[in-house]
Amino acid sequence: MPVAASLTPRAQQQVSNLCTRDRGAYDQFLTALRARGCEALGYRLAGEGLLERLCVVHLVARLRVVVAFESAAAATILLVGPHVDDDPFLDVYSQLYALAGLDSPPTTQRRKPECCEGEDRSPPILNIETLDDLVRRARELSGADRRRAQRAGRR
């Protein structure tokens, strides 16, 4: 089943800053996501509630993509960035925890279950209110609201 893929403002910002090699890997992933859905992703995150509903794929080197599914036919790319433990500003997981409203990473044992679940191989679905909240927080993280307000003030 084809999957419609959208990006948060933060993910759009991150994709626009990728180098050529990383952008090529991302574009290949996006094509696979649209064609194969959750099967294009590597694993679900470990943790309670929200985190266990999100999927990740490793692209080139440390580059990761974090995705949430609204339905089997609709996915939102939340973040695209490197996994860099020593730089919380760049680290995709630090940004994810900020989006999720967590002060620190989960302390549960790290597991990497498959993204697709059950016999029907469906994606983990995130309720629309939670997804809308994540998109709003990603917009804040990107500075898009701030820029929009500045442009409106100049008119």
N, C-alpha and C. Protein backbone atom coordinates (compact mmCIF):
# COMPACT_ATOMS: atom_id res chain seq x y z
N MET A 1 0.83 -1.17 0.00
CA MET A 1 0.00 0.00 0.00
C MET A 1 0.89 1.25 0.00
N PRO A 2 0.63 2.19 -0.89
CA PRO A 2 1.41 3.44 -0.91
C PRO A 2 1.18 4.23 0.37
N VAL A 3 2.22 4.92 0.80
CA VAL A 3 2.17 5.70 2.04
C VAL A 3 2.46 7.17 1.70
N ALA A 4 1.57 8.05 2.14
CA ALA A 4 1.80 9.48 2.00
C ALA A 4 2.75 9.89 3.12
N ALA A 5 3.80 10.59 2.77
CA ALA A 5 4.79 11.01 3.76
C ALA A 5 4.85 12.53 3.82
N SER A 6 4.77 13.06 5.03
CA SER A 6 4.93 14.49 5.25
C SER A 6 6.11 14.70 6.20
N LEU A 7 6.60 15.92 6.24
CA LEU A 7 7.72 16.26 7.11
C LEU A 7 7.33 17.39 8.05
N THR A 8 7.84 17.33 9.27
CA THR A 8 7.67 18.46 10.18
C THR A 8 8.55 19.59 9.67
N PRO A 9 8.27 20.83 10.11
CA PRO A 9 9.16 21.93 9.73
C PRO A 9 10.61 21.68 10.13
N ARG A 10 10.83 21.06 11.29
CA ARG A 10 12.20 20.77 11.73
C ARG A 10 12.85 19.76 10.79
N ALA A 11 12.12 18.72 10.40
CA ALA A 11 12.68 17.73 9.47
C ALA A 11 12.98 18.37 8.12
N GLN A 12 12.11 19.27 7.64
CA GLN A 12 12.37 19.96 6.37
C GLN A 12 13.66 20.75 6.46
N GLN A 13 13.85 21.43 7.58
CA GLN A 13 15.05 22.21 7.82
C GLN A 13 16.28 21.31 7.81
N GLN A 14 16.18 20.18 8.50
CA GLN A 14 17.31 19.25 8.59
C GLN A 14 17.64 18.65 7.22
N VAL A 15 16.63 18.27 6.45
CA VAL A 15 16.86 17.69 5.11
C VAL A 15 17.53 18.71 4.20
N SER A 16 17.11 19.96 4.30
CA SER A 16 17.69 20.99 3.42
C SER A 16 19.17 21.23 3.72
N ASN A 17 19.63 20.82 4.90
CA ASN A 17 21.03 21.02 5.27
C ASN A 17 21.90 19.79 5.08
N LEU A 18 21.34 18.72 4.53
CA LEU A 18 22.13 17.49 4.34
C LEU A 18 23.14 17.66 3.22
N CYS A 19 24.31 17.05 3.38
CA CYS A 19 25.31 17.04 2.30
C CYS A 19 24.80 16.11 1.19
N THR A 20 25.44 16.14 0.07
CA THR A 20 24.99 15.40 -1.11
C THR A 20 24.84 13.91 -0.84
N ARG A 21 25.83 13.29 -0.21
CA ARG A 21 25.78 11.85 0.07
C ARG A 21 24.60 11.51 0.98
N ASP A 22 24.44 12.29 2.06
CA ASP A 22 23.37 12.05 3.00
C ASP A 22 22.00 12.32 2.36
N ARG A 23 21.93 13.34 1.52
CA ARG A 23 20.66 13.66 0.85
C ARG A 23 20.26 12.54 -0.09
N GLY A 24 21.23 11.95 -0.78
CA GLY A 24 20.93 10.81 -1.66
C GLY A 24 20.38 9.63 -0.87
N ALA A 25 20.98 9.34 0.27
CA ALA A 25 20.50 8.25 1.13
C ALA A 25 19.10 8.56 1.64
N TYR A 26 18.86 9.81 2.03
CA TYR A 26 17.55 10.21 2.51
C TYR A 26 16.50 10.06 1.39
N ASP A 27 16.83 10.53 0.20
CA ASP A 27 15.89 10.44 -0.93
C ASP A 27 15.54 8.98 -1.24
N GLN A 28 16.52 8.09 -1.18
CA GLN A 28 16.24 6.66 -1.38
C GLN A 28 15.32 6.13 -0.29
N PHE A 29 15.57 6.53 0.95
CA PHE A 29 14.70 6.12 2.05
C PHE A 29 13.28 6.62 1.83
N LEU A 30 13.12 7.88 1.44
CA LEU A 30 11.79 8.46 1.24
C LEU A 30 11.02 7.69 0.17
N THR A 31 11.69 7.31 -0.88
CA THR A 31 11.06 6.51 -1.92
C THR A 31 10.60 5.16 -1.35
N ALA A 32 11.46 4.53 -0.56
CA ALA A 32 11.12 3.24 0.06
C ALA A 32 9.97 3.39 1.05
N LEU A 33 9.97 4.45 1.85
CA LEU A 33 8.89 4.68 2.80
C LEU A 33 7.56 4.81 2.07
N ARG A 34 7.54 5.58 1.01
CA ARG A 34 6.30 5.78 0.25
C ARG A 34 5.81 4.48 -0.39
N ALA A 35 6.74 3.63 -0.76
CA ALA A 35 6.37 2.37 -1.42
C ALA A 35 6.07 1.24 -0.44
N ARG A 36 6.83 1.17 0.67
CA ARG A 36 6.74 0.00 1.55
C ARG A 36 6.28 0.29 2.97
N GLY A 37 6.10 1.54 3.31
CA GLY A 37 5.63 1.89 4.65
C GLY A 37 6.61 1.50 5.73
N CYS A 38 6.09 0.91 6.81
CA CYS A 38 6.93 0.61 7.97
C CYS A 38 8.06 -0.37 7.66
N GLU A 39 7.92 -1.14 6.60
CA GLU A 39 8.98 -2.08 6.25
C GLU A 39 10.26 -1.38 5.79
N ALA A 40 10.16 -0.09 5.48
CA ALA A 40 11.34 0.69 5.09
C ALA A 40 12.12 1.18 6.31
N LEU A 41 11.55 0.98 7.49
CA LEU A 41 12.18 1.45 8.73
C LEU A 41 12.85 0.30 9.45
N GLY A 42 13.81 0.64 10.30
CA GLY A 42 14.58 -0.39 10.98
C GLY A 42 13.93 -0.95 12.22
N TYR A 43 13.53 -0.07 13.15
CA TYR A 43 13.06 -0.55 14.45
C TYR A 43 12.22 0.51 15.14
N ARG A 44 11.50 0.06 16.17
CA ARG A 44 10.78 0.97 17.05
C ARG A 44 11.69 1.31 18.22
N LEU A 45 11.44 2.45 18.81
CA LEU A 45 12.21 2.85 19.98
C LEU A 45 11.71 2.13 21.22
N ALA A 46 12.57 1.99 22.18
CA ALA A 46 12.20 1.42 23.47
C ALA A 46 11.73 2.55 24.37
N GLY A 47 10.84 2.25 25.26
CA GLY A 47 10.34 3.26 26.18
C GLY A 47 8.86 3.10 26.38
N GLU A 48 8.33 3.93 27.21
CA GLU A 48 6.91 3.89 27.51
C GLU A 48 6.14 4.83 26.60
N GLY A 49 4.88 4.49 26.35
CA GLY A 49 3.96 5.38 25.67
C GLY A 49 4.40 5.82 24.29
N LEU A 50 4.61 7.12 24.15
CA LEU A 50 4.92 7.74 22.87
C LEU A 50 6.12 7.12 22.17
N LEU A 51 7.22 6.96 22.88
CA LEU A 51 8.46 6.50 22.24
C LEU A 51 8.29 5.15 21.56
N GLU A 52 7.57 4.23 22.17
CA GLU A 52 7.43 2.91 21.58
C GLU A 52 6.53 2.91 20.35
N ARG A 53 5.95 4.07 20.00
CA ARG A 53 5.12 4.21 18.81
C ARG A 53 5.90 4.85 17.66
N LEU A 54 7.19 5.15 17.87
CA LEU A 54 8.01 5.81 16.86
C LEU A 54 9.02 4.84 16.27
N CYS A 55 9.29 4.99 14.98
CA CYS A 55 10.23 4.12 14.29
C CYS A 55 11.44 4.91 13.79
N VAL A 56 12.55 4.20 13.65
CA VAL A 56 13.82 4.81 13.25
C VAL A 56 14.45 3.97 12.15
N VAL A 57 15.17 4.64 11.27
CA VAL A 57 16.00 3.95 10.30
C VAL A 57 17.39 4.59 10.33
N HIS A 58 18.42 3.76 10.23
CA HIS A 58 19.79 4.24 10.11
C HIS A 58 20.05 4.41 8.61
N LEU A 59 20.55 5.55 8.23
CA LEU A 59 20.90 5.75 6.82
C LEU A 59 22.42 5.64 6.68
N VAL A 60 23.08 6.72 6.37
CA VAL A 60 24.52 6.72 6.16
C VAL A 60 25.21 7.10 7.47
N ALA A 61 26.25 6.35 7.83
CA ALA A 61 27.03 6.65 9.04
C ALA A 61 26.11 6.84 10.23
N ARG A 62 26.10 8.03 10.83
CA ARG A 62 25.30 8.27 12.04
C ARG A 62 23.92 8.86 11.74
N LEU A 63 23.59 9.04 10.48
CA LEU A 63 22.33 9.69 10.10
C LEU A 63 21.13 8.80 10.41
N ARG A 64 20.16 9.38 11.12
CA ARG A 64 18.94 8.67 11.50
C ARG A 64 17.72 9.45 11.04
N VAL A 65 16.62 8.72 10.81
CA VAL A 65 15.33 9.33 10.50
C VAL A 65 14.32 8.76 11.49
N VAL A 66 13.55 9.65 12.12
CA VAL A 66 12.53 9.24 13.09
C VAL A 66 11.17 9.51 12.47
N VAL A 67 10.31 8.48 12.49
CA VAL A 67 9.02 8.55 11.79
C VAL A 67 7.89 8.13 12.72
N ALA A 68 6.75 8.82 12.59
CA ALA A 68 5.52 8.45 13.28
C ALA A 68 4.46 8.13 12.22
N PHE A 69 3.63 7.14 12.51
CA PHE A 69 2.55 6.78 11.59
C PHE A 69 1.21 7.22 12.16
N GLU A 70 0.48 7.96 11.35
CA GLU A 70 -0.89 8.36 11.68
C GLU A 70 -1.85 7.23 11.33
N SER A 71 -1.48 6.48 10.28
CA SER A 71 -2.25 5.32 9.83
C SER A 71 -1.29 4.48 8.98
N ALA A 72 -1.77 3.35 8.50
CA ALA A 72 -0.92 2.53 7.64
C ALA A 72 -0.59 3.24 6.33
N ALA A 73 -1.39 4.26 5.99
CA ALA A 73 -1.20 4.96 4.73
C ALA A 73 -0.65 6.37 4.88
N ALA A 74 -0.30 6.79 6.11
CA ALA A 74 0.19 8.16 6.31
C ALA A 74 1.27 8.18 7.39
N ALA A 75 2.44 8.71 7.01
CA ALA A 75 3.57 8.80 7.93
C ALA A 75 4.07 10.24 7.99
N THR A 76 4.58 10.61 9.16
CA THR A 76 5.19 11.93 9.33
C THR A 76 6.64 11.75 9.74
N ILE A 77 7.53 12.34 8.97
CA ILE A 77 8.95 12.32 9.31
C ILE A 77 9.17 13.44 10.32
N LEU A 78 9.52 13.03 11.53
CA LEU A 78 9.67 13.99 12.63
C LEU A 78 11.02 14.68 12.63
N LEU A 79 12.07 13.88 12.48
CA LEU A 79 13.44 14.39 12.58
C LEU A 79 14.36 13.63 11.63
N VAL A 80 15.37 14.32 11.14
CA VAL A 80 16.41 13.73 10.30
C VAL A 80 17.73 14.31 10.78
N GLY A 81 18.58 13.46 11.35
CA GLY A 81 19.83 14.01 11.85
C GLY A 81 20.77 12.96 12.37
N PRO A 82 21.96 13.38 12.76
CA PRO A 82 22.96 12.43 13.24
C PRO A 82 22.72 12.01 14.69
N HIS A 83 23.13 10.82 14.98
CA HIS A 83 23.16 10.34 16.37
C HIS A 83 24.55 10.66 16.88
N VAL A 84 24.66 11.74 17.68
CA VAL A 84 25.93 12.25 18.17
C VAL A 84 25.80 12.41 19.68
N ASP A 85 26.27 11.40 20.42
CA ASP A 85 26.11 11.40 21.87
C ASP A 85 26.71 12.62 22.56
N ASP A 86 27.80 13.15 22.03
CA ASP A 86 28.50 14.23 22.73
C ASP A 86 28.04 15.64 22.32
N ASP A 87 26.99 15.75 21.50
CA ASP A 87 26.50 17.07 21.10
C ASP A 87 24.97 17.07 21.12
N PRO A 88 24.36 17.40 22.28
CA PRO A 88 22.91 17.35 22.39
C PRO A 88 22.18 18.27 21.41
N PHE A 89 22.85 19.35 20.97
CA PHE A 89 22.21 20.26 20.02
C PHE A 89 22.01 19.58 18.67
N LEU A 90 22.97 18.77 18.25
CA LEU A 90 22.87 18.07 16.96
C LEU A 90 22.23 16.70 17.07
N ASP A 91 22.34 16.06 18.21
CA ASP A 91 21.89 14.68 18.37
C ASP A 91 20.40 14.53 18.11
N VAL A 92 20.06 13.66 17.18
CA VAL A 92 18.66 13.45 16.81
C VAL A 92 17.84 12.92 17.97
N TYR A 93 18.43 12.09 18.82
CA TYR A 93 17.67 11.55 19.95
C TYR A 93 17.43 12.60 21.03
N SER A 94 18.39 13.49 21.27
CA SER A 94 18.18 14.58 22.21
C SER A 94 17.03 15.47 21.73
N GLN A 95 16.99 15.74 20.43
CA GLN A 95 15.90 16.53 19.87
C GLN A 95 14.57 15.78 19.99
N LEU A 96 14.60 14.48 19.79
CA LEU A 96 13.39 13.68 19.92
C LEU A 96 12.85 13.72 21.35
N TYR A 97 13.73 13.58 22.33
CA TYR A 97 13.28 13.63 23.72
C TYR A 97 12.69 15.00 24.03
N ALA A 98 13.26 16.06 23.47
CA ALA A 98 12.70 17.40 23.65
C ALA A 98 11.29 17.47 23.03
N LEU A 99 11.13 16.93 21.82
CA LEU A 99 9.81 16.91 21.18
C LEU A 99 8.81 16.14 22.02
N ALA A 100 9.27 15.05 22.62
CA ALA A 100 8.39 14.19 23.42
C ALA A 100 8.15 14.75 24.82
N GLY A 101 8.81 15.86 25.15
CA GLY A 101 8.63 16.47 26.46
C GLY A 101 9.35 15.74 27.58
N LEU A 102 10.39 14.99 27.24
CA LEU A 102 11.16 14.26 28.25
C LEU A 102 12.40 15.06 28.64
N ASP A 103 12.67 15.11 29.92
CA ASP A 103 13.86 15.82 30.41
C ASP A 103 15.14 15.03 30.20
N SER A 104 15.00 13.69 30.16
CA SER A 104 16.17 12.84 29.99
C SER A 104 15.76 11.57 29.23
N PRO A 105 16.74 10.87 28.68
CA PRO A 105 16.42 9.64 27.95
C PRO A 105 15.78 8.61 28.88
N PRO A 106 14.97 7.73 28.31
CA PRO A 106 14.38 6.66 29.12
C PRO A 106 15.46 5.78 29.73
N THR A 107 15.17 5.25 30.89
CA THR A 107 16.14 4.39 31.57
C THR A 107 15.86 2.91 31.32
N THR A 108 14.82 2.62 30.56
CA THR A 108 14.51 1.23 30.26
C THR A 108 15.60 0.62 29.39
N GLN A 109 15.71 -0.68 29.46
CA GLN A 109 16.72 -1.37 28.67
C GLN A 109 16.46 -1.12 27.19
N ARG A 110 17.52 -0.83 26.44
CA ARG A 110 17.37 -0.56 25.01
C ARG A 110 17.08 -1.85 24.26
N ARG A 111 15.98 -1.82 23.55
CA ARG A 111 15.61 -2.91 22.65
C ARG A 111 15.34 -2.25 21.31
N LYS A 112 15.34 -3.03 20.29
CA LYS A 112 15.04 -2.50 18.97
C LYS A 112 14.06 -3.45 18.27
N PRO A 113 12.81 -3.47 18.74
CA PRO A 113 11.84 -4.33 18.08
C PRO A 113 11.54 -3.81 16.66
N GLU A 114 11.09 -4.68 15.80
CA GLU A 114 10.77 -4.27 14.43
C GLU A 114 9.72 -3.18 14.44
N CYS A 115 9.76 -2.34 13.42
CA CYS A 115 8.78 -1.28 13.32
C CYS A 115 7.40 -1.86 13.03
N CYS A 116 7.29 -2.75 12.07
CA CYS A 116 6.01 -3.36 11.72
C CYS A 116 5.61 -4.36 12.80
N GLU A 117 4.32 -4.37 13.14
CA GLU A 117 3.84 -5.20 14.25
C GLU A 117 2.87 -6.28 13.78
N GLY A 118 2.79 -7.33 14.56
CA GLY A 118 1.76 -8.35 14.40
C GLY A 118 1.80 -9.11 13.09
N GLU A 119 0.82 -9.96 12.95
CA GLU A 119 0.74 -10.80 11.75
C GLU A 119 0.48 -10.00 10.48
N ASP A 120 -0.25 -8.90 10.63
CA ASP A 120 -0.56 -8.09 9.44
C ASP A 120 0.54 -7.10 9.08
N ARG A 121 1.62 -7.09 9.89
CA ARG A 121 2.79 -6.24 9.63
C ARG A 121 2.41 -4.77 9.51
N SER A 122 1.54 -4.32 10.41
CA SER A 122 1.10 -2.93 10.39
C SER A 122 2.05 -2.05 11.21
N PRO A 123 2.08 -0.75 10.90
CA PRO A 123 2.94 0.16 11.67
C PRO A 123 2.31 0.48 13.01
N PRO A 124 3.13 0.91 13.97
CA PRO A 124 2.56 1.38 15.24
C PRO A 124 1.89 2.73 14.97
N ILE A 125 0.63 2.86 15.32
CA ILE A 125 -0.13 4.07 15.03
C ILE A 125 -0.09 5.01 16.23
N LEU A 126 0.16 6.27 15.95
CA LEU A 126 0.18 7.31 16.97
C LEU A 126 -1.12 8.09 16.84
N ASN A 127 -1.82 8.32 17.94
CA ASN A 127 -3.10 9.04 17.81
C ASN A 127 -2.84 10.46 17.30
N ILE A 128 -3.83 10.99 16.60
CA ILE A 128 -3.67 12.25 15.88
C ILE A 128 -3.38 13.43 16.81
N GLU A 129 -3.93 13.42 18.01
CA GLU A 129 -3.67 14.53 18.94
C GLU A 129 -2.20 14.55 19.35
N THR A 130 -1.65 13.38 19.63
CA THR A 130 -0.24 13.29 20.02
C THR A 130 0.66 13.67 18.85
N LEU A 131 0.30 13.20 17.65
CA LEU A 131 1.09 13.55 16.47
C LEU A 131 1.04 15.05 16.22
N ASP A 132 -0.13 15.65 16.32
CA ASP A 132 -0.26 17.10 16.13
C ASP A 132 0.61 17.86 17.14
N ASP A 133 0.68 17.36 18.38
CA ASP A 133 1.51 17.99 19.40
C ASP A 133 2.99 17.89 19.03
N LEU A 134 3.41 16.74 18.53
CA LEU A 134 4.81 16.57 18.10
C LEU A 134 5.14 17.50 16.95
N VAL A 135 4.23 17.62 15.98
CA VAL A 135 4.46 18.51 14.84
C VAL A 135 4.55 19.96 15.33
N ARG A 136 3.69 20.35 16.26
CA ARG A 136 3.73 21.71 16.81
C ARG A 136 5.08 21.96 17.49
N ARG A 137 5.53 21.01 18.30
CA ARG A 137 6.81 21.17 18.98
C ARG A 137 7.97 21.21 17.98
N ALA A 138 7.87 20.42 16.91
CA ALA A 138 8.92 20.44 15.88
C ALA A 138 8.95 21.79 15.18
N ARG A 139 7.77 22.39 14.98
CA ARG A 139 7.71 23.73 14.37
C ARG A 139 8.39 24.74 15.29
N GLU A 140 8.14 24.63 16.60
CA GLU A 140 8.79 25.52 17.56
C GLU A 140 10.30 25.33 17.55
N LEU A 141 10.73 24.07 17.50
CA LEU A 141 12.16 23.76 17.48
C LEU A 141 12.84 24.32 16.24
N SER A 142 12.12 24.34 15.12
CA SER A 142 12.69 24.83 13.87
C SER A 142 12.76 26.35 13.82
N GLY A 143 11.97 27.02 14.67
CA GLY A 143 11.92 28.47 14.61
C GLY A 143 10.92 28.98 13.59
N ALA A 144 10.15 28.10 12.96
CA ALA A 144 9.20 28.51 11.92
C ALA A 144 8.15 29.47 12.45
N ASP A 145 7.64 29.24 13.65
CA ASP A 145 6.63 30.14 14.22
C ASP A 145 7.23 31.53 14.44
N ARG A 146 8.46 31.58 14.92
CA ARG A 146 9.14 32.84 15.18
C ARG A 146 9.32 33.63 13.87
N ARG A 147 9.77 32.94 12.81
CA ARG A 147 9.97 33.61 11.52
C ARG A 147 8.63 34.10 10.93
N ARG A 148 7.59 33.30 11.06
CA ARG A 148 6.27 33.65 10.57
C ARG A 148 5.77 34.92 11.28
N ALA A 149 5.96 34.98 12.60
CA ALA A 149 5.53 36.14 13.37
C ALA A 149 6.33 37.39 12.96
N GLN A 150 7.62 37.22 12.71
CA GLN A 150 8.45 38.35 12.30
C GLN A 150 7.98 38.89 10.95
N ARG A 151 7.69 37.98 10.01
CA ARG A 151 7.21 38.40 8.68
C ARG A 151 5.87 39.13 8.80
N ALA A 152 4.99 38.62 9.65
CA ALA A 152 3.68 39.24 9.83
C ALA A 152 3.83 40.64 10.45
N GLY A 153 4.82 40.82 11.31
CA GLY A 153 5.05 42.11 11.95
C GLY A 153 5.57 43.16 10.99
N ARG A 154 6.22 42.74 9.91
CA ARG A 154 6.77 43.67 8.92
C ARG A 154 5.72 44.19 7.97
N ARG A 155 4.58 43.58 7.93
CA ARG A 155 3.54 43.99 6.96
C ARG A 155 2.78 45.17 7.44
